[in-house]
């Protein structure tokens, strides 16, 4: 669930991804674990790249209006390592929660 919602939130956005997957939280045991995976997956994946995150798109657009150009590469060079590190820690925490 964690990796699926992370990828899906980059494709369709955080809110639609959550709305699509919330019905699966009642799928049986591990409801807390699935909820944590859903929440952390959508939240931490938002730093990967600009599109798919309304806040990051807004920051890039506001910077451009002020004459500061933030390229896709610059944003990704900072966002991807941070997001992947946070997602790795979250994935370990979800596995521990599931036990």
N, C-alpha and C. Protein backbone atom coordinates (compact mmCIF):
# COMPACT_ATOMS: atom_id res chain seq x y z
N UNK A 1 0.84 -1.19 0.00
CA UNK A 1 0.00 0.00 0.00
C UNK A 1 0.88 1.25 0.00
N UNK A 2 1.95 1.23 0.79
CA UNK A 2 2.82 2.40 0.91
C UNK A 2 3.39 2.83 -0.44
N UNK A 3 3.95 1.89 -1.17
CA UNK A 3 4.57 2.22 -2.45
C UNK A 3 3.54 2.50 -3.54
N UNK A 4 2.41 1.80 -3.49
CA UNK A 4 1.33 2.04 -4.45
C UNK A 4 0.78 3.45 -4.30
N UNK A 5 0.48 3.85 -3.06
CA UNK A 5 -0.08 5.18 -2.84
C UNK A 5 0.95 6.27 -3.12
N UNK A 6 2.23 5.98 -2.89
CA UNK A 6 3.28 6.95 -3.21
C UNK A 6 3.31 7.23 -4.71
N UNK A 7 3.29 6.17 -5.50
CA UNK A 7 3.29 6.33 -6.96
C UNK A 7 1.99 6.96 -7.44
N UNK A 8 0.88 6.50 -6.92
CA UNK A 8 -0.42 7.02 -7.35
C UNK A 8 -0.58 8.49 -7.00
N UNK A 9 -0.05 8.90 -5.86
CA UNK A 9 -0.18 10.31 -5.47
C UNK A 9 0.63 11.22 -6.38
N UNK A 10 1.68 10.70 -7.01
CA UNK A 10 2.44 11.49 -7.97
C UNK A 10 1.72 11.57 -9.31
N UNK A 11 0.89 10.59 -9.62
CA UNK A 11 0.19 10.56 -10.91
C UNK A 11 -1.09 11.38 -10.86
N UNK A 12 -1.91 11.16 -9.83
CA UNK A 12 -3.21 11.83 -9.77
C UNK A 12 -3.32 12.87 -8.68
N UNK A 13 -2.34 12.93 -7.77
CA UNK A 13 -2.39 13.87 -6.66
C UNK A 13 -2.72 13.16 -5.36
N UNK A 14 -2.40 13.81 -4.26
CA UNK A 14 -2.59 13.21 -2.94
C UNK A 14 -4.06 12.94 -2.61
N UNK A 15 -4.89 13.93 -2.76
CA UNK A 15 -6.30 13.76 -2.37
C UNK A 15 -7.02 12.70 -3.18
N UNK A 16 -6.91 12.71 -4.52
CA UNK A 16 -7.58 11.63 -5.27
C UNK A 16 -7.03 10.25 -4.93
N UNK A 17 -5.72 10.15 -4.68
CA UNK A 17 -5.13 8.86 -4.32
C UNK A 17 -5.72 8.34 -3.01
N UNK A 18 -5.84 9.22 -2.04
CA UNK A 18 -6.42 8.82 -0.75
C UNK A 18 -7.88 8.41 -0.94
N UNK A 19 -8.64 9.20 -1.70
CA UNK A 19 -10.05 8.88 -1.91
C UNK A 19 -10.21 7.53 -2.62
N UNK A 20 -9.30 7.21 -3.52
CA UNK A 20 -9.39 5.93 -4.23
C UNK A 20 -9.07 4.75 -3.32
N UNK A 21 -8.17 4.94 -2.37
CA UNK A 21 -7.68 3.81 -1.58
C UNK A 21 -8.28 3.69 -0.18
N UNK A 22 -8.96 4.69 0.32
CA UNK A 22 -9.56 4.62 1.66
C UNK A 22 -10.51 3.43 1.81
N UNK A 23 -11.30 3.07 0.80
CA UNK A 23 -12.18 1.91 0.99
C UNK A 23 -11.43 0.62 1.33
N UNK A 24 -10.16 0.52 0.97
CA UNK A 24 -9.39 -0.69 1.24
C UNK A 24 -8.86 -0.75 2.67
N UNK A 25 -9.05 0.31 3.44
CA UNK A 25 -8.63 0.28 4.84
C UNK A 25 -9.49 -0.67 5.66
N UNK A 26 -10.70 -0.93 5.22
CA UNK A 26 -11.59 -1.86 5.93
C UNK A 26 -11.44 -3.29 5.41
N UNK A 27 -10.33 -3.58 4.75
CA UNK A 27 -10.14 -4.88 4.12
C UNK A 27 -9.81 -5.99 5.11
N UNK A 28 -9.77 -5.70 6.37
CA UNK A 28 -9.48 -6.74 7.34
C UNK A 28 -8.48 -6.28 8.37
N UNK A 29 -7.66 -7.22 8.81
CA UNK A 29 -6.66 -6.93 9.83
C UNK A 29 -5.62 -5.94 9.34
N UNK A 30 -4.97 -5.32 10.27
CA UNK A 30 -3.90 -4.39 9.92
C UNK A 30 -4.40 -3.02 9.50
N UNK A 31 -5.55 -2.64 10.00
CA UNK A 31 -6.13 -1.35 9.61
C UNK A 31 -5.21 -0.19 9.97
N UNK A 32 -4.59 -0.23 11.14
CA UNK A 32 -3.67 0.84 11.55
C UNK A 32 -2.45 0.90 10.63
N UNK A 33 -1.95 -0.27 10.26
CA UNK A 33 -0.80 -0.33 9.37
C UNK A 33 -1.15 0.22 8.00
N UNK A 34 -2.30 -0.16 7.47
CA UNK A 34 -2.73 0.35 6.16
C UNK A 34 -2.96 1.86 6.21
N UNK A 35 -3.53 2.34 7.30
CA UNK A 35 -3.74 3.78 7.46
C UNK A 35 -2.43 4.54 7.50
N UNK A 36 -1.45 3.98 8.22
CA UNK A 36 -0.12 4.61 8.28
C UNK A 36 0.53 4.60 6.90
N UNK A 37 0.41 3.50 6.18
CA UNK A 37 0.98 3.41 4.84
C UNK A 37 0.34 4.43 3.90
N UNK A 38 -0.96 4.57 4.00
CA UNK A 38 -1.68 5.53 3.16
C UNK A 38 -1.26 6.96 3.48
N UNK A 39 -1.22 7.29 4.73
CA UNK A 39 -0.88 8.65 5.15
C UNK A 39 0.56 9.00 4.85
N UNK A 40 1.48 8.13 5.24
CA UNK A 40 2.90 8.41 5.03
C UNK A 40 3.27 8.34 3.56
N UNK A 41 2.66 7.44 2.82
CA UNK A 41 2.97 7.33 1.40
C UNK A 41 2.60 8.57 0.61
N UNK A 42 1.43 9.13 0.88
CA UNK A 42 1.02 10.33 0.16
C UNK A 42 1.79 11.56 0.65
N UNK A 43 2.05 11.62 1.92
CA UNK A 43 2.74 12.79 2.46
C UNK A 43 4.20 12.87 2.09
N UNK A 44 4.91 11.77 2.22
CA UNK A 44 6.36 11.79 1.97
C UNK A 44 6.70 11.77 0.50
N UNK A 45 5.84 11.23 -0.34
CA UNK A 45 6.13 11.20 -1.77
C UNK A 45 6.01 12.58 -2.41
N UNK A 46 5.38 13.50 -1.72
CA UNK A 46 5.15 14.82 -2.32
C UNK A 46 6.43 15.59 -2.56
N UNK A 47 7.53 15.25 -1.92
CA UNK A 47 8.79 15.95 -2.15
C UNK A 47 9.59 15.41 -3.32
N UNK A 48 9.17 14.33 -3.90
CA UNK A 48 9.95 13.73 -4.97
C UNK A 48 10.17 14.69 -6.14
N UNK A 49 9.10 15.15 -6.71
CA UNK A 49 9.17 16.05 -7.87
C UNK A 49 8.06 17.07 -7.76
N UNK A 50 8.14 18.12 -8.57
CA UNK A 50 7.20 19.24 -8.43
C UNK A 50 5.78 18.86 -8.80
N UNK A 51 5.57 18.22 -9.93
CA UNK A 51 4.19 17.93 -10.31
C UNK A 51 3.63 16.84 -9.42
N UNK A 52 2.36 16.93 -9.13
CA UNK A 52 1.74 16.03 -8.18
C UNK A 52 1.70 16.61 -6.78
N UNK A 53 2.32 17.77 -6.59
CA UNK A 53 2.29 18.43 -5.29
C UNK A 53 1.91 19.89 -5.52
N UNK A 54 0.72 20.24 -5.14
CA UNK A 54 0.24 21.60 -5.36
C UNK A 54 1.13 22.63 -4.67
N UNK A 55 1.61 22.32 -3.48
CA UNK A 55 2.47 23.26 -2.75
C UNK A 55 3.77 23.51 -3.50
N UNK A 56 4.38 22.47 -4.05
CA UNK A 56 5.64 22.65 -4.77
C UNK A 56 5.42 23.39 -6.08
N UNK A 57 4.31 23.12 -6.76
CA UNK A 57 4.00 23.85 -7.99
C UNK A 57 3.82 25.33 -7.67
N UNK A 58 3.14 25.63 -6.59
CA UNK A 58 2.93 27.01 -6.18
C UNK A 58 4.25 27.71 -5.88
N UNK A 59 5.16 27.03 -5.19
CA UNK A 59 6.47 27.61 -4.88
C UNK A 59 7.23 27.92 -6.15
N UNK A 60 7.25 26.99 -7.09
CA UNK A 60 7.97 27.20 -8.35
C UNK A 60 7.37 28.36 -9.13
N UNK A 61 6.04 28.43 -9.18
CA UNK A 61 5.38 29.53 -9.90
C UNK A 61 5.63 30.88 -9.22
N UNK A 62 5.57 30.93 -7.91
CA UNK A 62 5.83 32.18 -7.19
C UNK A 62 7.27 32.63 -7.38
N UNK A 63 8.20 31.69 -7.37
CA UNK A 63 9.61 32.03 -7.60
C UNK A 63 9.79 32.59 -9.01
N UNK A 64 9.14 31.98 -9.98
CA UNK A 64 9.25 32.44 -11.37
C UNK A 64 8.71 33.86 -11.51
N UNK A 65 7.64 34.18 -10.82
CA UNK A 65 7.09 35.55 -10.87
C UNK A 65 8.07 36.57 -10.30
N UNK A 66 8.94 36.12 -9.43
CA UNK A 66 9.92 37.02 -8.83
C UNK A 66 11.28 36.94 -9.51
N UNK A 67 11.30 36.27 -10.67
CA UNK A 67 12.52 36.21 -11.46
C UNK A 67 13.48 35.11 -11.08
N UNK A 68 13.06 34.20 -10.21
CA UNK A 68 13.91 33.08 -9.81
C UNK A 68 13.42 31.83 -10.53
N UNK A 69 14.27 31.29 -11.37
CA UNK A 69 13.90 30.09 -12.12
C UNK A 69 14.41 28.87 -11.37
N UNK A 70 13.51 27.98 -11.03
CA UNK A 70 13.86 26.72 -10.38
C UNK A 70 13.60 25.62 -11.39
N UNK A 71 14.66 24.98 -11.85
CA UNK A 71 14.51 23.94 -12.87
C UNK A 71 14.04 22.64 -12.23
N UNK A 72 13.54 21.77 -13.09
CA UNK A 72 13.11 20.45 -12.65
C UNK A 72 14.28 19.72 -12.00
N UNK A 73 15.46 19.81 -12.61
CA UNK A 73 16.65 19.14 -12.08
C UNK A 73 17.06 19.67 -10.71
N UNK A 74 17.01 20.99 -10.54
CA UNK A 74 17.37 21.58 -9.24
C UNK A 74 16.41 21.12 -8.15
N UNK A 75 15.15 21.15 -8.47
CA UNK A 75 14.14 20.75 -7.49
C UNK A 75 14.27 19.26 -7.17
N UNK A 76 14.48 18.46 -8.19
CA UNK A 76 14.61 17.01 -7.99
C UNK A 76 15.89 16.66 -7.25
N UNK A 77 16.97 17.42 -7.49
CA UNK A 77 18.24 17.09 -6.83
C UNK A 77 18.15 17.28 -5.32
N UNK A 78 17.27 18.14 -4.88
CA UNK A 78 17.06 18.30 -3.44
C UNK A 78 15.91 17.42 -2.95
N UNK A 79 14.84 17.35 -3.71
CA UNK A 79 13.64 16.65 -3.26
C UNK A 79 13.73 15.14 -3.27
N UNK A 80 14.35 14.58 -4.30
CA UNK A 80 14.39 13.11 -4.42
C UNK A 80 15.17 12.46 -3.29
N UNK A 81 16.41 12.88 -2.99
CA UNK A 81 17.13 12.22 -1.89
C UNK A 81 16.41 12.35 -0.54
N UNK A 82 15.87 13.52 -0.28
CA UNK A 82 15.16 13.73 1.00
C UNK A 82 13.92 12.85 1.06
N UNK A 83 13.14 12.84 -0.02
CA UNK A 83 11.92 12.03 -0.05
C UNK A 83 12.23 10.55 0.08
N UNK A 84 13.25 10.07 -0.63
CA UNK A 84 13.59 8.65 -0.56
C UNK A 84 14.08 8.26 0.83
N UNK A 85 14.85 9.11 1.47
CA UNK A 85 15.31 8.83 2.84
C UNK A 85 14.14 8.77 3.80
N UNK A 86 13.24 9.75 3.69
CA UNK A 86 12.07 9.76 4.57
C UNK A 86 11.18 8.56 4.31
N UNK A 87 11.03 8.19 3.04
CA UNK A 87 10.18 7.04 2.70
C UNK A 87 10.80 5.74 3.20
N UNK A 88 12.12 5.63 3.17
CA UNK A 88 12.79 4.42 3.68
C UNK A 88 12.54 4.28 5.18
N UNK A 89 12.69 5.37 5.92
CA UNK A 89 12.43 5.33 7.36
C UNK A 89 10.96 4.99 7.62
N UNK A 90 10.06 5.59 6.86
CA UNK A 90 8.63 5.32 7.04
C UNK A 90 8.31 3.87 6.72
N UNK A 91 8.92 3.31 5.67
CA UNK A 91 8.66 1.92 5.32
C UNK A 91 9.11 0.98 6.44
N UNK A 92 10.25 1.26 7.03
CA UNK A 92 10.72 0.44 8.16
C UNK A 92 9.75 0.57 9.33
N UNK A 93 9.30 1.79 9.60
CA UNK A 93 8.36 1.99 10.70
C UNK A 93 7.04 1.24 10.45
N UNK A 94 6.57 1.24 9.22
CA UNK A 94 5.33 0.53 8.89
C UNK A 94 5.50 -0.97 9.09
N UNK A 95 6.66 -1.49 8.70
CA UNK A 95 6.93 -2.93 8.90
C UNK A 95 6.95 -3.24 10.39
N UNK A 96 7.56 -2.39 11.19
CA UNK A 96 7.59 -2.61 12.64
C UNK A 96 6.18 -2.52 13.21
N UNK A 97 5.38 -1.58 12.73
CA UNK A 97 3.99 -1.44 13.19
C UNK A 97 3.17 -2.67 12.85
N UNK A 98 3.47 -3.29 11.73
CA UNK A 98 2.70 -4.46 11.29
C UNK A 98 2.97 -5.69 12.15
N UNK A 99 4.10 -5.71 12.82
CA UNK A 99 4.44 -6.91 13.62
C UNK A 99 3.74 -6.96 14.93
